[in-house]
Amino acid sequence: MGVKVYERILQLFEAEGIDTIFGIPDPNFVHMFHLAEERGWNVVAPHHEESAGFMAEAVSRMTGKAAVCIGTLGPGVANLAGAMMCAKVENSPVIFLGGQRARITEQRVRRGRIQ
């Protein structure tokens, strides 16, 4: 069996010296969070995505290394906007990842079947 996408993403982050992940675990990224913990990463899960974003930005600015922050789909990613702009303005190397619904779910939501 091949390597899962989230495993490869963590491998690439590890190759860059990243060992901390910020964000609130959700179904889209739960496997990545679990694998990161198994590999000995620091997993920082605050009460709000905005806090996670600013923590990642602060760590990247203090260490000069890239930091990773994950937001849940929809409002979770929107809550990262302030931290994204701060990282952009300060030239802080932060990698922001956001979730997305499966295509079939998205089609059903847009047709009113889920409401």
PDB file of N, CA and C in Angstrom:
ATOM      1  N   MET A   1       0.838  -1.178   0.000  1.00  0.00           N
ATOM      2  CA  MET A   1       0.000   0.000   0.000  1.00  0.00           C
ATOM      3  C   MET A   1       0.884   1.242   0.000  1.00  0.00           C
ATOM      4  N   GLY A   2       0.464   2.245  -0.727  1.00  0.00           N
ATOM      5  CA  GLY A   2       1.241   3.468  -0.848  1.00  0.00           C
ATOM      6  C   GLY A   2       1.131   4.366   0.375  1.00  0.00           C
ATOM      7  N   VAL A   3       1.800   5.465   0.296  1.00  0.00           N
ATOM      8  CA  VAL A   3       1.803   6.449   1.375  1.00  0.00           C
ATOM      9  C   VAL A   3       0.539   7.304   1.270  1.00  0.00           C
ATOM     10  N   LYS A   4      -0.100   7.541   2.388  1.00  0.00           N
ATOM     11  CA  LYS A   4      -1.280   8.407   2.421  1.00  0.00           C
ATOM     12  C   LYS A   4      -0.842   9.859   2.231  1.00  0.00           C
ATOM     13  N   VAL A   5      -1.729  10.678   1.709  1.00  0.00           N
ATOM     14  CA  VAL A   5      -1.403  12.076   1.434  1.00  0.00           C
ATOM     15  C   VAL A   5      -0.962  12.795   2.706  1.00  0.00           C
ATOM     16  N   TYR A   6      -1.701  12.607   3.792  1.00  0.00           N
ATOM     17  CA  TYR A   6      -1.341  13.305   5.027  1.00  0.00           C
ATOM     18  C   TYR A   6       0.019  12.850   5.557  1.00  0.00           C
ATOM     19  N   GLU A   7       0.381  11.569   5.328  1.00  0.00           N
ATOM     20  CA  GLU A   7       1.705  11.092   5.732  1.00  0.00           C
ATOM     21  C   GLU A   7       2.788  11.805   4.933  1.00  0.00           C
ATOM     22  N   ARG A   8       2.561  11.929   3.637  1.00  0.00           N
ATOM     23  CA  ARG A   8       3.548  12.590   2.770  1.00  0.00           C
ATOM     24  C   ARG A   8       3.691  14.059   3.136  1.00  0.00           C
ATOM     25  N   ILE A   9       2.569  14.701   3.445  1.00  0.00           N
ATOM     26  CA  ILE A   9       2.628  16.109   3.851  1.00  0.00           C
ATOM     27  C   ILE A   9       3.478  16.259   5.108  1.00  0.00           C
ATOM     28  N   LEU A  10       3.263  15.384   6.091  1.00  0.00           N
ATOM     29  CA  LEU A  10       4.075  15.449   7.312  1.00  0.00           C
ATOM     30  C   LEU A  10       5.543  15.168   7.024  1.00  0.00           C
ATOM     31  N   GLN A  11       5.824  14.233   6.110  1.00  0.00           N
ATOM     32  CA  GLN A  11       7.215  13.954   5.732  1.00  0.00           C
ATOM     33  C   GLN A  11       7.870  15.206   5.153  1.00  0.00           C
ATOM     34  N   LEU A  12       7.143  15.905   4.301  1.00  0.00           N
ATOM     35  CA  LEU A  12       7.687  17.125   3.697  1.00  0.00           C
ATOM     36  C   LEU A  12       7.922  18.205   4.751  1.00  0.00           C
ATOM     37  N   PHE A  13       6.988  18.331   5.682  1.00  0.00           N
ATOM     38  CA  PHE A  13       7.178  19.292   6.768  1.00  0.00           C
ATOM     39  C   PHE A  13       8.386  18.919   7.618  1.00  0.00           C
ATOM     40  N   GLU A  14       8.530  17.642   7.937  1.00  0.00           N
ATOM     41  CA  GLU A  14       9.673  17.186   8.735  1.00  0.00           C
ATOM     42  C   GLU A  14      10.991  17.466   8.017  1.00  0.00           C
ATOM     43  N   ALA A  15      11.009  17.308   6.709  1.00  0.00           N
ATOM     44  CA  ALA A  15      12.221  17.585   5.929  1.00  0.00           C
ATOM     45  C   ALA A  15      12.628  19.052   6.036  1.00  0.00           C
ATOM     46  N   GLU A  16      11.659  19.915   6.323  1.00  0.00           N
ATOM     47  CA  GLU A  16      11.937  21.348   6.491  1.00  0.00           C
ATOM     48  C   GLU A  16      12.194  21.721   7.951  1.00  0.00           C
ATOM     49  N   GLY A  17      12.210  20.724   8.833  1.00  0.00           N
ATOM     50  CA  GLY A  17      12.490  20.980  10.239  1.00  0.00           C
ATOM     51  C   GLY A  17      11.278  21.407  11.056  1.00  0.00           C
ATOM     52  N   ILE A  18      10.096  21.236  10.513  1.00  0.00           N
ATOM     53  CA  ILE A  18       8.878  21.607  11.239  1.00  0.00           C
ATOM     54  C   ILE A  18       8.497  20.455  12.159  1.00  0.00           C
ATOM     55  N   ASP A  19       8.207  20.786  13.426  1.00  0.00           N
ATOM     56  CA  ASP A  19       7.831  19.740  14.383  1.00  0.00           C
ATOM     57  C   ASP A  19       6.655  20.147  15.268  1.00  0.00           C
ATOM     58  N   THR A  20       5.989  21.224  14.897  1.00  0.00           N
ATOM     59  CA  THR A  20       4.835  21.703  15.657  1.00  0.00           C
ATOM     60  C   THR A  20       3.699  22.006  14.700  1.00  0.00           C
ATOM     61  N   ILE A  21       2.492  21.642  15.116  1.00  0.00           N
ATOM     62  CA  ILE A  21       1.316  21.902  14.299  1.00  0.00           C
ATOM     63  C   ILE A  21       0.284  22.601  15.182  1.00  0.00           C
ATOM     64  N   PHE A  22      -0.303  23.667  14.666  1.00  0.00           N
ATOM     65  CA  PHE A  22      -1.295  24.448  15.394  1.00  0.00           C
ATOM     66  C   PHE A  22      -2.653  24.262  14.737  1.00  0.00           C
ATOM     67  N   GLY A  23      -3.695  24.167  15.530  1.00  0.00           N
ATOM     68  CA  GLY A  23      -5.034  24.073  14.966  1.00  0.00           C
ATOM     69  C   GLY A  23      -5.955  23.236  15.817  1.00  0.00           C
ATOM     70  N   ILE A  24      -7.213  23.224  15.413  1.00  0.00           N
ATOM     71  CA  ILE A  24      -8.229  22.453  16.112  1.00  0.00           C
ATOM     72  C   ILE A  24      -8.517  21.208  15.286  1.00  0.00           C
ATOM     73  N   PRO A  25      -8.255  20.024  15.833  1.00  0.00           N
ATOM     74  CA  PRO A  25      -8.497  18.797  15.067  1.00  0.00           C
ATOM     75  C   PRO A  25      -9.970  18.682  14.658  1.00  0.00           C
ATOM     76  N   ASP A  26     -10.199  18.382  13.406  1.00  0.00           N
ATOM     77  CA  ASP A  26     -11.549  18.159  12.895  1.00  0.00           C
ATOM     78  C   ASP A  26     -11.499  16.956  11.960  1.00  0.00           C
ATOM     79  N   PRO A  27     -12.641  16.469  11.498  1.00  0.00           N
ATOM     80  CA  PRO A  27     -12.633  15.256  10.660  1.00  0.00           C
ATOM     81  C   PRO A  27     -11.753  15.345   9.416  1.00  0.00           C
ATOM     82  N   ASN A  28     -11.565  16.543   8.868  1.00  0.00           N
ATOM     83  CA  ASN A  28     -10.743  16.673   7.667  1.00  0.00           C
ATOM     84  C   ASN A  28      -9.264  16.418   7.925  1.00  0.00           C
ATOM     85  N   PHE A  29      -8.803  16.724   9.128  1.00  0.00           N
ATOM     86  CA  PHE A  29      -7.376  16.634   9.424  1.00  0.00           C
ATOM     87  C   PHE A  29      -7.045  15.734  10.610  1.00  0.00           C
ATOM     88  N   VAL A  30      -8.022  15.000  11.125  1.00  0.00           N
ATOM     89  CA  VAL A  30      -7.792  14.221  12.341  1.00  0.00           C
ATOM     90  C   VAL A  30      -6.670  13.198  12.166  1.00  0.00           C
ATOM     91  N   HIS A  31      -6.565  12.583  10.999  1.00  0.00           N
ATOM     92  CA  HIS A  31      -5.501  11.599  10.773  1.00  0.00           C
ATOM     93  C   HIS A  31      -4.122  12.265  10.805  1.00  0.00           C
ATOM     94  N   MET A  32      -4.036  13.471  10.271  1.00  0.00           N
ATOM     95  CA  MET A  32      -2.764  14.187  10.287  1.00  0.00           C
ATOM     96  C   MET A  32      -2.368  14.541  11.721  1.00  0.00           C
ATOM     97  N   PHE A  33      -3.320  14.999  12.518  1.00  0.00           N
ATOM     98  CA  PHE A  33      -3.032  15.326  13.916  1.00  0.00           C
ATOM     99  C   PHE A  33      -2.584  14.082  14.682  1.00  0.00           C
ATOM    100  N   HIS A  34      -3.272  12.963  14.481  1.00  0.00           N
ATOM    101  CA  HIS A  34      -2.908  11.723  15.187  1.00  0.00           C
ATOM    102  C   HIS A  34      -1.508  11.262  14.796  1.00  0.00           C
ATOM    103  N   LEU A  35      -1.211  11.273  13.501  1.00  0.00           N
ATOM    104  CA  LEU A  35       0.111  10.846  13.047  1.00  0.00           C
ATOM    105  C   LEU A  35       1.193  11.786  13.575  1.00  0.00           C
ATOM    106  N   ALA A  36       0.914  13.077  13.591  1.00  0.00           N
ATOM    107  CA  ALA A  36       1.883  14.035  14.123  1.00  0.00           C
ATOM    108  C   ALA A  36       2.185  13.729  15.593  1.00  0.00           C
ATOM    109  N   GLU A  37       1.152  13.434  16.361  1.00  0.00           N
ATOM    110  CA  GLU A  37       1.367  13.077  17.769  1.00  0.00           C
ATOM    111  C   GLU A  37       2.175  11.795  17.900  1.00  0.00           C
ATOM    112  N   GLU A  38       1.865  10.791  17.066  1.00  0.00           N
ATOM    113  CA  GLU A  38       2.607   9.526  17.104  1.00  0.00           C
ATOM    114  C   GLU A  38       4.082   9.736  16.789  1.00  0.00           C
ATOM    115  N   ARG A  39       4.378  10.688  15.925  1.00  0.00           N
ATOM    116  CA  ARG A  39       5.769  10.958  15.534  1.00  0.00           C
ATOM    117  C   ARG A  39       6.476  11.894  16.501  1.00  0.00           C
ATOM    118  N   GLY A  40       5.806  12.308  17.564  1.00  0.00           N
ATOM    119  CA  GLY A  40       6.449  13.152  18.561  1.00  0.00           C
ATOM    120  C   GLY A  40       6.369  14.642  18.298  1.00  0.00           C
ATOM    121  N   TRP A  41       5.513  15.052  17.393  1.00  0.00           N
ATOM    122  CA  TRP A  41       5.330  16.475  17.126  1.00  0.00           C
ATOM    123  C   TRP A  41       4.658  17.141  18.320  1.00  0.00           C
ATOM    124  N   ASN A  42       4.846  18.443  18.429  1.00  0.00           N
ATOM    125  CA  ASN A  42       4.082  19.251  19.373  1.00  0.00           C
ATOM    126  C   ASN A  42       2.771  19.616  18.683  1.00  0.00           C
ATOM    127  N   VAL A  43       1.659  19.203  19.244  1.00  0.00           N
ATOM    128  CA  VAL A  43       0.348  19.539  18.689  1.00  0.00           C
ATOM    129  C   VAL A  43      -0.301  20.549  19.625  1.00  0.00           C
ATOM    130  N   VAL A  44      -0.500  21.757  19.125  1.00  0.00           N
ATOM    131  CA  VAL A  44      -1.076  22.837  19.919  1.00  0.00           C
ATOM    132  C   VAL A  44      -2.499  23.065  19.426  1.00  0.00           C
ATOM    133  N   ALA A  45      -3.473  22.779  20.286  1.00  0.00           N
ATOM    134  CA  ALA A  45      -4.885  22.890  19.914  1.00  0.00           C
ATOM    135  C   ALA A  45      -5.585  23.881  20.844  1.00  0.00           C
ATOM    136  N   PRO A  46      -5.580  25.160  20.493  1.00  0.00           N
ATOM    137  CA  PRO A  46      -6.240  26.158  21.342  1.00  0.00           C
ATOM    138  C   PRO A  46      -7.766  26.087  21.196  1.00  0.00           C
ATOM    139  N   HIS A  47      -8.446  26.980  21.866  1.00  0.00           N
ATOM    140  CA  HIS A  47      -9.912  26.989  21.824  1.00  0.00           C
ATOM    141  C   HIS A  47     -10.466  27.663  20.575  1.00  0.00           C
ATOM    142  N   HIS A  48      -9.641  28.382  19.829  1.00  0.00           N
ATOM    143  CA  HIS A  48     -10.137  29.133  18.672  1.00  0.00           C
ATOM    144  C   HIS A  48      -9.072  29.135  17.581  1.00  0.00           C
ATOM    145  N   GLU A  49      -9.509  29.031  16.329  1.00  0.00           N
ATOM    146  CA  GLU A  49      -8.568  29.001  15.204  1.00  0.00           C
ATOM    147  C   GLU A  49      -7.734  30.270  15.123  1.00  0.00           C
ATOM    148  N   GLU A  50      -8.342  31.407  15.442  1.00  0.00           N
ATOM    149  CA  GLU A  50      -7.593  32.655  15.369  1.00  0.00           C
ATOM    150  C   GLU A  50      -6.375  32.611  16.284  1.00  0.00           C
ATOM    151  N   SER A  51      -6.557  32.059  17.467  1.00  0.00           N
ATOM    152  CA  SER A  51      -5.427  31.912  18.397  1.00  0.00           C
ATOM    153  C   SER A  51      -4.357  31.014  17.796  1.00  0.00           C
ATOM    154  N   ALA A  52      -4.780  29.922  17.174  1.00  0.00           N
ATOM    155  CA  ALA A  52      -3.821  29.007  16.542  1.00  0.00           C
ATOM    156  C   ALA A  52      -3.021  29.728  15.468  1.00  0.00           C
ATOM    157  N   GLY A  53      -3.708  30.526  14.663  1.00  0.00           N
ATOM    158  CA  GLY A  53      -3.029  31.257  13.593  1.00  0.00           C
ATOM    159  C   GLY A  53      -1.987  32.230  14.115  1.00  0.00           C
ATOM    160  N   PHE A  54      -2.354  32.982  15.144  1.00  0.00           N
ATOM    161  CA  PHE A  54      -1.401  33.945  15.693  1.00  0.00           C
ATOM    162  C   PHE A  54      -0.264  33.259  16.444  1.00  0.00           C
ATOM    163  N   MET A  55      -0.539  32.115  17.062  1.00  0.00           N
ATOM    164  CA  MET A  55       0.542  31.350  17.700  1.00  0.00           C
ATOM    165  C   MET A  55       1.542  30.875  16.654  1.00  0.00           C
ATOM    166  N   ALA A  56       1.030  30.340  15.550  1.00  0.00           N
ATOM    167  CA  ALA A  56       1.913  29.864  14.480  1.00  0.00           C
ATOM    168  C   ALA A  56       2.737  31.014  13.918  1.00  0.00           C
ATOM    169  N   GLU A  57       2.102  32.164  13.736  1.00  0.00           N
ATOM    170  CA  GLU A  57       2.816  33.330  13.204  1.00  0.00           C
ATOM    171  C   GLU A  57       3.902  33.780  14.172  1.00  0.00           C
ATOM    172  N   ALA A  58       3.587  33.804  15.458  1.00  0.00           N
ATOM    173  CA  ALA A  58       4.572  34.228  16.459  1.00  0.00           C
ATOM    174  C   ALA A  58       5.754  33.266  16.517  1.00  0.00           C
ATOM    175  N   VAL A  59       5.473  31.966  16.488  1.00  0.00           N
ATOM    176  CA  VAL A  59       6.549  30.971  16.528  1.00  0.00           C
ATOM    177  C   VAL A  59       7.437  31.100  15.295  1.00  0.00           C
ATOM    178  N   SER A  60       6.836  31.289  14.140  1.00  0.00           N
ATOM    179  CA  SER A  60       7.653  31.407  12.925  1.00  0.00           C
ATOM    180  C   SER A  60       8.507  32.668  12.959  1.00  0.00           C
ATOM    181  N   ARG A  61       7.955  33.735  13.514  1.00  0.00           N
ATOM    182  CA  ARG A  61       8.724  34.975  13.591  1.00  0.00           C
ATOM    183  C   ARG A  61       9.872  34.850  14.592  1.00  0.00           C
ATOM    184  N   MET A  62       9.624  34.174  15.718  1.00  0.00           N
ATOM    185  CA  MET A  62      10.660  34.033  16.746  1.00  0.00           C
ATOM    186  C   MET A  62      11.759  33.060  16.342  1.00  0.00           C
ATOM    187  N   THR A  63      11.396  31.985  15.642  1.00  0.00           N
ATOM    188  CA  THR A  63      12.380  30.959  15.297  1.00  0.00           C
ATOM    189  C   THR A  63      12.970  31.132  13.905  1.00  0.00           C
ATOM    190  N   GLY A  64      12.249  31.832  13.035  1.00  0.00           N
ATOM    191  CA  GLY A  64      12.695  31.962  11.649  1.00  0.00           C
ATOM    192  C   GLY A  64      12.384  30.733  10.809  1.00  0.00           C
ATOM    193  N   LYS A  65      11.747  29.722  11.432  1.00  0.00           N
ATOM    194  CA  LYS A  65      11.371  28.503  10.710  1.00  0.00           C
ATOM    195  C   LYS A  65       9.898  28.578  10.322  1.00  0.00           C
ATOM    196  N   ALA A  66       9.540  27.816   9.313  1.00  0.00           N
ATOM    197  CA  ALA A  66       8.139  27.760   8.910  1.00  0.00           C
ATOM    198  C   ALA A  66       7.303  27.112  10.006  1.00  0.00           C
ATOM    199  N   ALA A  67       6.069  27.560  10.123  1.00  0.00           N
ATOM    200  CA  ALA A  67       5.113  26.983  11.072  1.00  0.00           C
ATOM    201  C   ALA A  67       3.878  26.551  10.292  1.00  0.00           C
ATOM    202  N   VAL A  68       3.141  25.596  10.842  1.00  0.00           N
ATOM    203  CA  VAL A  68       1.955  25.055  10.182  1.00  0.00           C
ATOM    204  C   VAL A  68       0.731  25.319  11.047  1.00  0.00           C
ATOM    205  N   CYS A  69      -0.327  25.809  10.409  1.00  0.00           N
ATOM    206  CA  CYS A  69      -1.584  26.051  11.102  1.00  0.00           C
ATOM    207  C   CYS A  69      -2.727  25.490  10.263  1.00  0.00           C
ATOM    208  N   ILE A  70      -3.650  24.797  10.928  1.00  0.00           N
ATOM    209  CA  ILE A  70      -4.768  24.158  10.238  1.00  0.00           C
ATOM    210  C   ILE A  70      -6.080  24.732  10.747  1.00  0.00           C
ATOM    211  N   GLY A  71      -6.971  25.051   9.801  1.00  0.00           N
ATOM    212  CA  GLY A  71      -8.300  25.544  10.153  1.00  0.00           C
ATOM    213  C   GLY A  71      -9.371  24.608   9.637  1.00  0.00           C
ATOM    214  N   THR A  72     -10.448  24.482  10.402  1.00  0.00           N
ATOM    215  CA  THR A  72     -11.564  23.655   9.961  1.00  0.00           C
ATOM    216  C   THR A  72     -12.257  24.340   8.791  1.00  0.00           C
ATOM    217  N   LEU A  73     -13.065  23.588   8.061  1.00  0.00           N
ATOM    218  CA  LEU A  73     -13.684  24.176   6.880  1.00  0.00           C
ATOM    219  C   LEU A  73     -14.659  25.289   7.247  1.00  0.00           C
ATOM    220  N   GLY A  74     -14.833  26.211   6.327  1.00  0.00           N
ATOM    221  CA  GLY A  74     -15.783  27.313   6.510  1.00  0.00           C
ATOM    222  C   GLY A  74     -15.306  28.359   7.493  1.00  0.00           C
ATOM    223  N   PRO A  75     -16.038  28.527   8.602  1.00  0.00           N
ATOM    224  CA  PRO A  75     -15.694  29.574   9.558  1.00  0.00           C
ATOM    225  C   PRO A  75     -14.312  29.413  10.173  1.00  0.00           C
ATOM    226  N   GLY A  76     -13.852  28.175  10.296  1.00  0.00           N
ATOM    227  CA  GLY A  76     -12.522  27.959  10.861  1.00  0.00           C
ATOM    228  C   GLY A  76     -11.437  28.614  10.027  1.00  0.00           C
ATOM    229  N   VAL A  77     -11.539  28.464   8.722  1.00  0.00           N
ATOM    230  CA  VAL A  77     -10.567  29.101   7.825  1.00  0.00           C
ATOM    231  C   VAL A  77     -10.757  30.613   7.847  1.00  0.00           C
ATOM    232  N   ALA A  78     -12.007  31.063   7.894  1.00  0.00           N
ATOM    233  CA  ALA A  78     -12.268  32.505   7.960  1.00  0.00           C
ATOM    234  C   ALA A  78     -11.646  33.109   9.218  1.00  0.00           C
ATOM    235  N   ASN A  79     -11.655  32.357  10.309  1.00  0.00           N
ATOM    236  CA  ASN A  79     -11.062  32.849  11.553  1.00  0.00           C
ATOM    237  C   ASN A  79      -9.545  32.990  11.460  1.00  0.00           C
ATOM    238  N   LEU A  80      -8.936  32.367  10.480  1.00  0.00           N
ATOM    239  CA  LEU A  80      -7.486  32.478  10.299  1.00  0.00           C
ATOM    240  C   LEU A  80      -7.088  33.714   9.492  1.00  0.00           C
ATOM    241  N   ALA A  81      -8.053  34.428   8.938  1.00  0.00           N
ATOM    242  CA  ALA A  81      -7.746  35.539   8.025  1.00  0.00           C
ATOM    243  C   ALA A  81      -6.836  36.586   8.656  1.00  0.00           C
ATOM    244  N   GLY A  82      -7.114  36.966   9.894  1.00  0.00           N
ATOM    245  CA  GLY A  82      -6.272  37.972  10.545  1.00  0.00           C
ATOM    246  C   GLY A  82      -4.831  37.514  10.689  1.00  0.00           C
ATOM    247  N   ALA A  83      -4.646  36.272  11.089  1.00  0.00           N
ATOM    248  CA  ALA A  83      -3.290  35.726  11.233  1.00  0.00           C
ATOM    249  C   ALA A  83      -2.605  35.594   9.877  1.00  0.00           C
ATOM    250  N   MET A  84      -3.382  35.245   8.847  1.00  0.00           N
ATOM    251  CA  MET A  84      -2.806  35.158   7.496  1.00  0.00           C
ATOM    252  C   MET A  84      -2.274  36.513   7.048  1.00  0.00           C
ATOM    253  N   MET A  85      -3.059  37.561   7.279  1.00  0.00           N
ATOM    254  CA  MET A  85      -2.616  38.901   6.883  1.00  0.00           C
ATOM    255  C   MET A  85      -1.409  39.343   7.699  1.00  0.00           C
ATOM    256  N   CYS A  86      -1.413  39.031   8.986  1.00  0.00           N
ATOM    257  CA  CYS A  86      -0.274  39.374   9.839  1.00  0.00           C
ATOM    258  C   CYS A  86       0.988  38.677   9.329  1.00  0.00           C
ATOM    259  N   ALA A  87       0.870  37.385   9.017  1.00  0.00           N
ATOM    260  CA  ALA A  87       2.020  36.634   8.502  1.00  0.00           C
ATOM    261  C   ALA A  87       2.502  37.219   7.178  1.00  0.00           C
ATOM    262  N   LYS A  88       1.570  37.625   6.333  1.00  0.00           N
ATOM    263  CA  LYS A  88       1.942  38.212   5.033  1.00  0.00           C
ATOM    264  C   LYS A  88       2.682  39.530   5.233  1.00  0.00           C
ATOM    265  N   VAL A  89       2.117  40.403   6.069  1.00  0.00           N
ATOM    266  CA  VAL A  89       2.717  41.720   6.295  1.00  0.00           C
ATOM    267  C   VAL A  89       4.086  41.600   6.959  1.00  0.00           C
ATOM    268  N   GLU A  90       4.222  40.666   7.893  1.00  0.00           N
ATOM    269  CA  GLU A  90       5.479  40.492   8.621  1.00  0.00           C
ATOM    270  C   GLU A  90       6.457  39.554   7.917  1.00  0.00           C
ATOM    271  N   ASN A  91       6.063  39.017   6.764  1.00  0.00           N
ATOM    272  CA  ASN A  91       6.884  38.055   6.016  1.00  0.00           C
ATOM    273  C   ASN A  91       7.260  36.843   6.864  1.00  0.00           C
ATOM    274  N   SER A  92       6.311  36.389   7.660  1.00  0.00           N
ATOM    275  CA  SER A  92       6.526  35.205   8.496  1.00  0.00           C
ATOM    276  C   SER A  92       6.177  33.957   7.696  1.00  0.00           C
ATOM    277  N   PRO A  93       7.053  32.962   7.703  1.00  0.00           N
ATOM    278  CA  PRO A  93       6.797  31.745   6.913  1.00  0.00           C
ATOM    279  C   PRO A  93       5.802  30.809   7.605  1.00  0.00           C
ATOM    280  N   VAL A  94       4.515  31.035   7.366  1.00  0.00           N
ATOM    281  CA  VAL A  94       3.470  30.201   7.957  1.00  0.00           C
ATOM    282  C   VAL A  94       2.715  29.501   6.835  1.00  0.00           C
ATOM    283  N   ILE A  95       2.502  28.216   7.009  1.00  0.00           N
ATOM    284  CA  ILE A  95       1.730  27.425   6.054  1.00  0.00           C
ATOM    285  C   ILE A  95       0.352  27.219   6.661  1.00  0.00           C
ATOM    286  N   PHE A  96      -0.670  27.746   6.000  1.00  0.00           N
ATOM    287  CA  PHE A  96      -2.044  27.596   6.463  1.00  0.00           C
ATOM    288  C   PHE A  96      -2.739  26.545   5.614  1.00  0.00           C
ATOM    289  N   LEU A  97      -3.385  25.592   6.270  1.00  0.00           N
ATOM    290  CA  LEU A  97      -4.155  24.559   5.578  1.00  0.00           C
ATOM    291  C   LEU A  97      -5.606  24.667   6.020  1.00  0.00           C
ATOM    292  N   GLY A  98      -6.523  24.465   5.071  1.00  0.00           N
ATOM    293  CA  GLY A  98      -7.944  24.534   5.398  1.00  0.00           C
ATOM    294  C   GLY A  98      -8.694  23.341   4.858  1.00  0.00           C
ATOM    295  N   GLY A  99      -9.751  22.972   5.545  1.00  0.00           N
ATOM    296  CA  GLY A  99     -10.565  21.834   5.132  1.00  0.00           C
ATOM    297  C   GLY A  99     -11.554  22.188   4.036  1.00  0.00           C
ATOM    298  N   GLN A 100     -12.108  21.161   3.430  1.00  0.00           N
ATOM    299  CA  GLN A 100     -13.101  21.333   2.378  1.00  0.00           C
ATOM    300  C   GLN A 100     -14.058  20.145   2.424  1.00  0.00           C
ATOM    301  N   ARG A 101     -15.307  20.392   2.109  1.00  0.00           N
ATOM    302  CA  ARG A 101     -16.281  19.302   2.048  1.00  0.00           C
ATOM    303  C   ARG A 101     -15.988  18.411   0.860  1.00  0.00           C
ATOM    304  N   ALA A 102     -16.427  17.161   0.974  1.00  0.00           N
ATOM    305  CA  ALA A 102     -16.355  16.256  -0.174  1.00  0.00           C
ATOM    306  C   ALA A 102     -17.275  16.799  -1.268  1.00  0.00           C
ATOM    307  N   ARG A 103     -16.918  16.557  -2.508  1.00  0.00           N
ATOM    308  CA  ARG A 103     -17.682  17.094  -3.631  1.00  0.00           C
ATOM    309  C   ARG A 103     -19.153  16.672  -3.584  1.00  0.00           C
ATOM    310  N   ILE A 104     -19.435  15.423  -3.254  1.00  0.00           N
ATOM    311  CA  ILE A 104     -20.822  14.956  -3.222  1.00  0.00           C
ATOM    312  C   ILE A 104     -21.614  15.683  -2.141  1.00  0.00           C
ATOM    313  N   THR A 105     -20.987  15.938  -1.002  1.00  0.00           N
ATOM    314  CA  THR A 105     -21.657  16.679   0.065  1.00  0.00           C
ATOM    315  C   THR A 105     -21.918  18.104  -0.377  1.00  0.00           C
ATOM    316  N   GLU A 106     -20.953  18.709  -1.023  1.00  0.00           N
ATOM    317  CA  GLU A 106     -21.098  20.084  -1.504  1.00  0.00           C
ATOM    318  C   GLU A 106     -22.264  20.190  -2.477  1.00  0.00           C
ATOM    319  N   GLN A 107     -22.395  19.231  -3.375  1.00  0.00           N
ATOM    320  CA  GLN A 107     -23.497  19.252  -4.341  1.00  0.00           C
ATOM    321  C   GLN A 107     -24.841  19.139  -3.632  1.00  0.00           C
ATOM    322  N   ARG A 108     -24.930  18.298  -2.623  1.00  0.00           N
ATOM    323  CA  ARG A 108     -26.188  18.131  -1.890  1.00  0.00           C
ATOM    324  C   ARG A 108     -26.539  19.375  -1.083  1.00  0.00           C
ATOM    325  N   VAL A 109     -25.529  19.994  -0.487  1.00  0.00           N
ATOM    326  CA  VAL A 109     -25.780  21.204   0.290  1.00  0.00           C
ATOM    327  C   VAL A 109     -26.307  22.296  -0.625  1.00  0.00           C
ATOM    328  N   ARG A 110     -25.710  22.451  -1.778  1.00  0.00           N
ATOM    329  CA  ARG A 110     -26.116  23.508  -2.701  1.00  0.00           C
ATOM    330  C   ARG A 110     -27.506  23.280  -3.285  1.00  0.00           C
ATOM    331  N   ARG A 111     -28.009  22.068  -3.219  1.00  0.00           N
ATOM    332  CA  ARG A 111     -29.354  21.771  -3.729  1.00  0.00           C
ATOM    333  C   ARG A 111     -30.399  21.792  -2.620  1.00  0.00           C
ATOM    334  N   GLY A 112     -30.004  22.090  -1.417  1.00  0.00           N
ATOM    335  CA  GLY A 112     -30.954  22.201  -0.327  1.00  0.00           C
ATOM    336  C   GLY A 112     -31.337  20.895   0.341  1.00  0.00           C
ATOM    337  N   ARG A 113     -30.671  19.804   0.019  1.00  0.00           N
ATOM    338  CA  ARG A 113     -31.037  18.514   0.604  1.00  0.00           C
ATOM    339  C   ARG A 113     -30.641  18.398   2.072  1.00  0.00           C
ATOM    340  N   ILE A 114     -29.620  19.090   2.485  1.00  0.00           N
ATOM    341  CA  ILE A 114     -29.148  18.950   3.859  1.00  0.00           C
ATOM    342  C   ILE A 114     -29.867  19.924   4.787  1.00  0.00           C
ATOM    343  N   GLN A 115     -30.267  21.080   4.298  1.00  0.00           N
ATOM    344  CA  GLN A 115     -30.975  22.025   5.150  1.00  0.00           C
ATOM    345  C   GLN A 115     -32.317  21.435   5.447  1.00  0.00           C
TER     346      GLN A 115
END
